[in-house]
């Protein structure tokens, strides 16, 4: 299952807690059933889509 463009655009995005104003920032949305990741400085650009399992695996691997 995938999100439509409208679902992604209307999603509740939030900025990473590791982001600062002077560095590259990412935003994520945890809308079920997928996780979206985008560049906060280019919110209309591309979005990476992951399953929750993929996202959890990624986050655990970089800690």
PDB file of N, CA and C in Angstrom:
ATOM      1  N   UNK A   1       0.857  -1.175   0.000  1.00  0.00           N
ATOM      2  CA  UNK A   1       0.000   0.000   0.000  1.00  0.00           C
ATOM      3  C   UNK A   1       0.895   1.227   0.000  1.00  0.00           C
ATOM      4  N   UNK A   2       0.518   2.237  -0.734  1.00  0.00           N
ATOM      5  CA  UNK A   2       1.316   3.461  -0.774  1.00  0.00           C
ATOM      6  C   UNK A   2       0.419   4.672  -0.580  1.00  0.00           C
ATOM      7  N   UNK A   3       1.033   5.746  -0.135  1.00  0.00           N
ATOM      8  CA  UNK A   3       0.324   7.009   0.042  1.00  0.00           C
ATOM      9  C   UNK A   3       0.164   7.691  -1.301  1.00  0.00           C
ATOM     10  N   UNK A   4      -0.944   8.389  -1.475  1.00  0.00           N
ATOM     11  CA  UNK A   4      -1.086   9.236  -2.655  1.00  0.00           C
ATOM     12  C   UNK A   4      -0.320  10.524  -2.394  1.00  0.00           C
ATOM     13  N   UNK A   5      -0.091  11.304  -3.458  1.00  0.00           N
ATOM     14  CA  UNK A   5       0.596  12.583  -3.298  1.00  0.00           C
ATOM     15  C   UNK A   5      -0.129  13.484  -2.317  1.00  0.00           C
ATOM     16  N   UNK A   6      -1.464  13.479  -2.344  1.00  0.00           N
ATOM     17  CA  UNK A   6      -2.233  14.326  -1.426  1.00  0.00           C
ATOM     18  C   UNK A   6      -2.077  13.884   0.017  1.00  0.00           C
ATOM     19  N   UNK A   7      -2.038  12.575   0.258  1.00  0.00           N
ATOM     20  CA  UNK A   7      -1.871  12.083   1.620  1.00  0.00           C
ATOM     21  C   UNK A   7      -0.512  12.501   2.181  1.00  0.00           C
ATOM     22  N   UNK A   8       0.521  12.435   1.359  1.00  0.00           N
ATOM     23  CA  UNK A   8       1.851  12.848   1.802  1.00  0.00           C
ATOM     24  C   UNK A   8       1.877  14.350   2.059  1.00  0.00           C
ATOM     25  N   UNK A   9       1.318  15.141   1.150  1.00  0.00           N
ATOM     26  CA  UNK A   9       1.319  16.599   1.296  1.00  0.00           C
ATOM     27  C   UNK A   9       0.553  17.027   2.547  1.00  0.00           C
ATOM     28  N   UNK A  10      -0.518  16.320   2.880  1.00  0.00           N
ATOM     29  CA  UNK A  10      -1.359  16.675   4.021  1.00  0.00           C
ATOM     30  C   UNK A  10      -0.926  15.999   5.325  1.00  0.00           C
ATOM     31  N   UNK A  11       0.133  15.225   5.276  1.00  0.00           N
ATOM     32  CA  UNK A  11       0.579  14.480   6.454  1.00  0.00           C
ATOM     33  C   UNK A  11       1.076  15.432   7.538  1.00  0.00           C
ATOM     34  N   UNK A  12       1.108  14.937   8.751  1.00  0.00           N
ATOM     35  CA  UNK A  12       1.627  15.686   9.887  1.00  0.00           C
ATOM     36  C   UNK A  12       3.137  15.450   9.961  1.00  0.00           C
ATOM     37  N   UNK A  13       3.905  16.384   9.403  1.00  0.00           N
ATOM     38  CA  UNK A  13       5.360  16.281   9.348  1.00  0.00           C
ATOM     39  C   UNK A  13       5.970  16.919  10.584  1.00  0.00           C
ATOM     40  N   UNK A  14       7.083  16.351  11.067  1.00  0.00           N
ATOM     41  CA  UNK A  14       7.811  16.997  12.144  1.00  0.00           C
ATOM     42  C   UNK A  14       9.305  16.885  11.888  1.00  0.00           C
ATOM     43  N   UNK A  15      10.028  17.913  12.344  1.00  0.00           N
ATOM     44  CA  UNK A  15      11.465  18.000  12.117  1.00  0.00           C
ATOM     45  C   UNK A  15      12.203  17.110  13.105  1.00  0.00           C
ATOM     46  N   UNK A  16      13.270  16.511  12.648  1.00  0.00           N
ATOM     47  CA  UNK A  16      14.121  15.695  13.496  1.00  0.00           C
ATOM     48  C   UNK A  16      14.604  16.500  14.696  1.00  0.00           C
ATOM     49  N   UNK A  17      14.664  15.869  15.850  1.00  0.00           N
ATOM     50  CA  UNK A  17      15.163  16.539  17.053  1.00  0.00           C
ATOM     51  C   UNK A  17      16.657  16.810  16.949  1.00  0.00           C
ATOM     52  N   UNK A  18      17.344  16.164  16.005  1.00  0.00           N
ATOM     53  CA  UNK A  18      18.785  16.375  15.795  1.00  0.00           C
ATOM     54  C   UNK A  18      19.060  17.514  14.818  1.00  0.00           C
ATOM     55  N   UNK A  19      18.037  18.069  14.217  1.00  0.00           N
ATOM     56  CA  UNK A  19      18.209  19.127  13.225  1.00  0.00           C
ATOM     57  C   UNK A  19      18.446  20.475  13.904  1.00  0.00           C
ATOM     58  N   UNK A  20      19.206  21.324  13.226  1.00  0.00           N
ATOM     59  CA  UNK A  20      19.412  22.694  13.689  1.00  0.00           C
ATOM     60  C   UNK A  20      19.114  23.622  12.521  1.00  0.00           C
ATOM     61  N   UNK A  21      19.023  24.913  12.783  1.00  0.00           N
ATOM     62  CA  UNK A  21      18.712  25.869  11.729  1.00  0.00           C
ATOM     63  C   UNK A  21      19.830  26.013  10.707  1.00  0.00           C
ATOM     64  N   UNK A  22      21.065  25.746  11.086  1.00  0.00           N
ATOM     65  CA  UNK A  22      22.188  25.973  10.179  1.00  0.00           C
ATOM     66  C   UNK A  22      22.616  24.733   9.405  1.00  0.00           C
ATOM     67  N   UNK A  23      22.056  23.585   9.712  1.00  0.00           N
ATOM     68  CA  UNK A  23      22.450  22.342   9.043  1.00  0.00           C
ATOM     69  C   UNK A  23      21.301  21.786   8.223  1.00  0.00           C
ATOM     70  N   UNK A  24      21.617  20.808   7.397  1.00  0.00           N
ATOM     71  CA  UNK A  24      20.579  20.103   6.662  1.00  0.00           C
ATOM     72  C   UNK A  24      19.616  19.441   7.632  1.00  0.00           C
ATOM     73  N   UNK A  25      18.357  19.561   7.369  1.00  0.00           N
ATOM     74  CA  UNK A  25      17.343  19.039   8.271  1.00  0.00           C
ATOM     75  C   UNK A  25      16.439  18.057   7.533  1.00  0.00           C
ATOM     76  N   UNK A  26      15.947  17.099   8.265  1.00  0.00           N
ATOM     77  CA  UNK A  26      14.971  16.181   7.705  1.00  0.00           C
ATOM     78  C   UNK A  26      13.691  16.265   8.516  1.00  0.00           C
ATOM     79  N   UNK A  27      12.592  15.963   7.841  1.00  0.00           N
ATOM     80  CA  UNK A  27      11.294  15.855   8.492  1.00  0.00           C
ATOM     81  C   UNK A  27      10.781  14.453   8.222  1.00  0.00           C
ATOM     82  N   UNK A  28      10.001  13.947   9.166  1.00  0.00           N
ATOM     83  CA  UNK A  28       9.379  12.644   8.951  1.00  0.00           C
ATOM     84  C   UNK A  28       7.899  12.719   9.274  1.00  0.00           C
ATOM     85  N   UNK A  29       7.180  11.790   8.688  1.00  0.00           N
ATOM     86  CA  UNK A  29       5.783  11.572   9.037  1.00  0.00           C
ATOM     87  C   UNK A  29       5.627  10.086   9.312  1.00  0.00           C
ATOM     88  N   UNK A  30       4.916   9.779  10.358  1.00  0.00           N
ATOM     89  CA  UNK A  30       4.738   8.385  10.770  1.00  0.00           C
ATOM     90  C   UNK A  30       3.330   7.885  10.467  1.00  0.00           C
ATOM     91  N   UNK A  31       2.714   8.467   9.442  1.00  0.00           N
ATOM     92  CA  UNK A  31       1.366   8.045   9.092  1.00  0.00           C
ATOM     93  C   UNK A  31       1.363   6.582   8.692  1.00  0.00           C
ATOM     94  N   UNK A  32       0.416   5.854   9.220  1.00  0.00           N
ATOM     95  CA  UNK A  32       0.300   4.439   8.906  1.00  0.00           C
ATOM     96  C   UNK A  32      -0.108   4.279   7.459  1.00  0.00           C
ATOM     97  N   UNK A  33       0.292   3.271   6.789  1.00  0.00           N
ATOM     98  CA  UNK A  33       1.168   2.177   7.215  1.00  0.00           C
ATOM     99  C   UNK A  33       2.627   2.431   6.890  1.00  0.00           C
ATOM    100  N   UNK A  34       2.972   3.649   6.498  1.00  0.00           N
ATOM    101  CA  UNK A  34       4.333   3.915   6.057  1.00  0.00           C
ATOM    102  C   UNK A  34       4.939   5.118   6.763  1.00  0.00           C
ATOM    103  N   UNK A  35       6.256   5.269   6.595  1.00  0.00           N
ATOM    104  CA  UNK A  35       7.004   6.403   7.132  1.00  0.00           C
ATOM    105  C   UNK A  35       7.533   7.200   5.945  1.00  0.00           C
ATOM    106  N   UNK A  36       7.320   8.515   5.961  1.00  0.00           N
ATOM    107  CA  UNK A  36       7.842   9.379   4.912  1.00  0.00           C
ATOM    108  C   UNK A  36       8.977  10.228   5.454  1.00  0.00           C
ATOM    109  N   UNK A  37      10.007  10.457   4.635  1.00  0.00           N
ATOM    110  CA  UNK A  37      11.166  11.259   5.021  1.00  0.00           C
ATOM    111  C   UNK A  37      11.423  12.265   3.906  1.00  0.00           C
ATOM    112  N   UNK A  38      11.635  13.542   4.274  1.00  0.00           N
ATOM    113  CA  UNK A  38      11.894  14.569   3.266  1.00  0.00           C
ATOM    114  C   UNK A  38      12.856  15.616   3.814  1.00  0.00           C
ATOM    115  N   UNK A  39      13.386  16.427   2.926  1.00  0.00           N
ATOM    116  CA  UNK A  39      14.264  17.545   3.264  1.00  0.00           C
ATOM    117  C   UNK A  39      13.387  18.701   3.749  1.00  0.00           C
ATOM    118  N   UNK A  40      13.613  19.175   4.970  1.00  0.00           N
ATOM    119  CA  UNK A  40      12.757  20.230   5.520  1.00  0.00           C
ATOM    120  C   UNK A  40      12.910  21.548   4.772  1.00  0.00           C
ATOM    121  N   UNK A  41      14.047  21.736   4.103  1.00  0.00           N
ATOM    122  CA  UNK A  41      14.253  22.976   3.353  1.00  0.00           C
ATOM    123  C   UNK A  41      13.684  22.892   1.942  1.00  0.00           C
ATOM    124  N   UNK A  42      13.200  21.731   1.553  1.00  0.00           N
ATOM    125  CA  UNK A  42      12.582  21.539   0.243  1.00  0.00           C
ATOM    126  C   UNK A  42      11.372  20.616   0.400  1.00  0.00           C
ATOM    127  N   UNK A  43      10.337  21.073   1.113  1.00  0.00           N
ATOM    128  CA  UNK A  43       9.201  20.206   1.428  1.00  0.00           C
ATOM    129  C   UNK A  43       8.389  19.753   0.214  1.00  0.00           C
ATOM    130  N   UNK A  44       8.568  20.411  -0.914  1.00  0.00           N
ATOM    131  CA  UNK A  44       7.839  20.012  -2.117  1.00  0.00           C
ATOM    132  C   UNK A  44       8.689  19.124  -3.020  1.00  0.00           C
ATOM    133  N   UNK A  45       9.886  18.792  -2.555  1.00  0.00           N
ATOM    134  CA  UNK A  45      10.776  17.904  -3.293  1.00  0.00           C
ATOM    135  C   UNK A  45      10.373  16.450  -3.083  1.00  0.00           C
ATOM    136  N   UNK A  46      11.298  15.568  -3.320  1.00  0.00           N
ATOM    137  CA  UNK A  46      11.032  14.138  -3.204  1.00  0.00           C
ATOM    138  C   UNK A  46      10.837  13.688  -1.767  1.00  0.00           C
ATOM    139  N   UNK A  47      10.145  12.565  -1.631  1.00  0.00           N
ATOM    140  CA  UNK A  47       9.890  11.949  -0.332  1.00  0.00           C
ATOM    141  C   UNK A  47      10.333  10.492  -0.409  1.00  0.00           C
ATOM    142  N   UNK A  48      11.119  10.069   0.568  1.00  0.00           N
ATOM    143  CA  UNK A  48      11.475   8.664   0.679  1.00  0.00           C
ATOM    144  C   UNK A  48      10.410   7.973   1.515  1.00  0.00           C
ATOM    145  N   UNK A  49       9.962   6.818   1.070  1.00  0.00           N
ATOM    146  CA  UNK A  49       8.902   6.077   1.763  1.00  0.00           C
ATOM    147  C   UNK A  49       9.462   4.756   2.262  1.00  0.00           C
ATOM    148  N   UNK A  50       9.220   4.462   3.528  1.00  0.00           N
ATOM    149  CA  UNK A  50       9.664   3.221   4.161  1.00  0.00           C
ATOM    150  C   UNK A  50       8.485   2.554   4.869  1.00  0.00           C
ATOM    151  N   UNK A  51       8.564   1.240   5.028  1.00  0.00           N
ATOM    152  CA  UNK A  51       7.615   0.578   5.918  1.00  0.00           C
ATOM    153  C   UNK A  51       8.062   0.887   7.337  1.00  0.00           C
ATOM    154  N   UNK A  52       7.195   0.687   8.312  1.00  0.00           N
ATOM    155  CA  UNK A  52       7.589   0.924   9.706  1.00  0.00           C
ATOM    156  C   UNK A  52       8.716  -0.023  10.110  1.00  0.00           C
ATOM    157  N   UNK A  53       8.700  -1.231   9.611  1.00  0.00           N
ATOM    158  CA  UNK A  53       9.756  -2.197   9.922  1.00  0.00           C
ATOM    159  C   UNK A  53      11.100  -1.718   9.375  1.00  0.00           C
ATOM    160  N   UNK A  54      11.105  -1.232   8.126  1.00  0.00           N
ATOM    161  CA  UNK A  54      12.341  -0.712   7.533  1.00  0.00           C
ATOM    162  C   UNK A  54      12.859   0.492   8.315  1.00  0.00           C
ATOM    163  N   UNK A  55      11.967   1.398   8.673  1.00  0.00           N
ATOM    164  CA  UNK A  55      12.369   2.606   9.400  1.00  0.00           C
ATOM    165  C   UNK A  55      12.949   2.242  10.762  1.00  0.00           C
ATOM    166  N   UNK A  56      12.296   1.345  11.481  1.00  0.00           N
ATOM    167  CA  UNK A  56      12.781   0.919  12.791  1.00  0.00           C
ATOM    168  C   UNK A  56      14.153   0.275  12.669  1.00  0.00           C
ATOM    169  N   UNK A  57      14.331  -0.561  11.681  1.00  0.00           N
ATOM    170  CA  UNK A  57      15.622  -1.205  11.452  1.00  0.00           C
ATOM    171  C   UNK A  57      16.706  -0.165  11.171  1.00  0.00           C
ATOM    172  N   UNK A  58      16.394   0.820  10.345  1.00  0.00           N
ATOM    173  CA  UNK A  58      17.337   1.892  10.034  1.00  0.00           C
ATOM    174  C   UNK A  58      17.722   2.664  11.287  1.00  0.00           C
ATOM    175  N   UNK A  59      16.745   3.110  12.044  1.00  0.00           N
ATOM    176  CA  UNK A  59      17.014   3.907  13.248  1.00  0.00           C
ATOM    177  C   UNK A  59      17.842   3.108  14.249  1.00  0.00           C
ATOM    178  N   UNK A  60      17.515   1.850  14.446  1.00  0.00           N
ATOM    179  CA  UNK A  60      18.275   1.028  15.387  1.00  0.00           C
ATOM    180  C   UNK A  60      19.705   0.807  14.917  1.00  0.00           C
ATOM    181  N   UNK A  61      19.909   0.748  13.608  1.00  0.00           N
ATOM    182  CA  UNK A  61      21.255   0.488  13.083  1.00  0.00           C
ATOM    183  C   UNK A  61      22.187   1.690  13.203  1.00  0.00           C
ATOM    184  N   UNK A  62      21.624   2.905  13.321  1.00  0.00           N
ATOM    185  CA  UNK A  62      22.489   4.086  13.415  1.00  0.00           C
ATOM    186  C   UNK A  62      22.672   4.599  14.833  1.00  0.00           C
ATOM    187  N   UNK A  63      22.034   4.010  15.771  1.00  0.00           N
ATOM    188  CA  UNK A  63      22.187   4.428  17.180  1.00  0.00           C
ATOM    189  C   UNK A  63      23.480   3.955  17.756  1.00  0.00           C
TER     190      UNK A  63
END
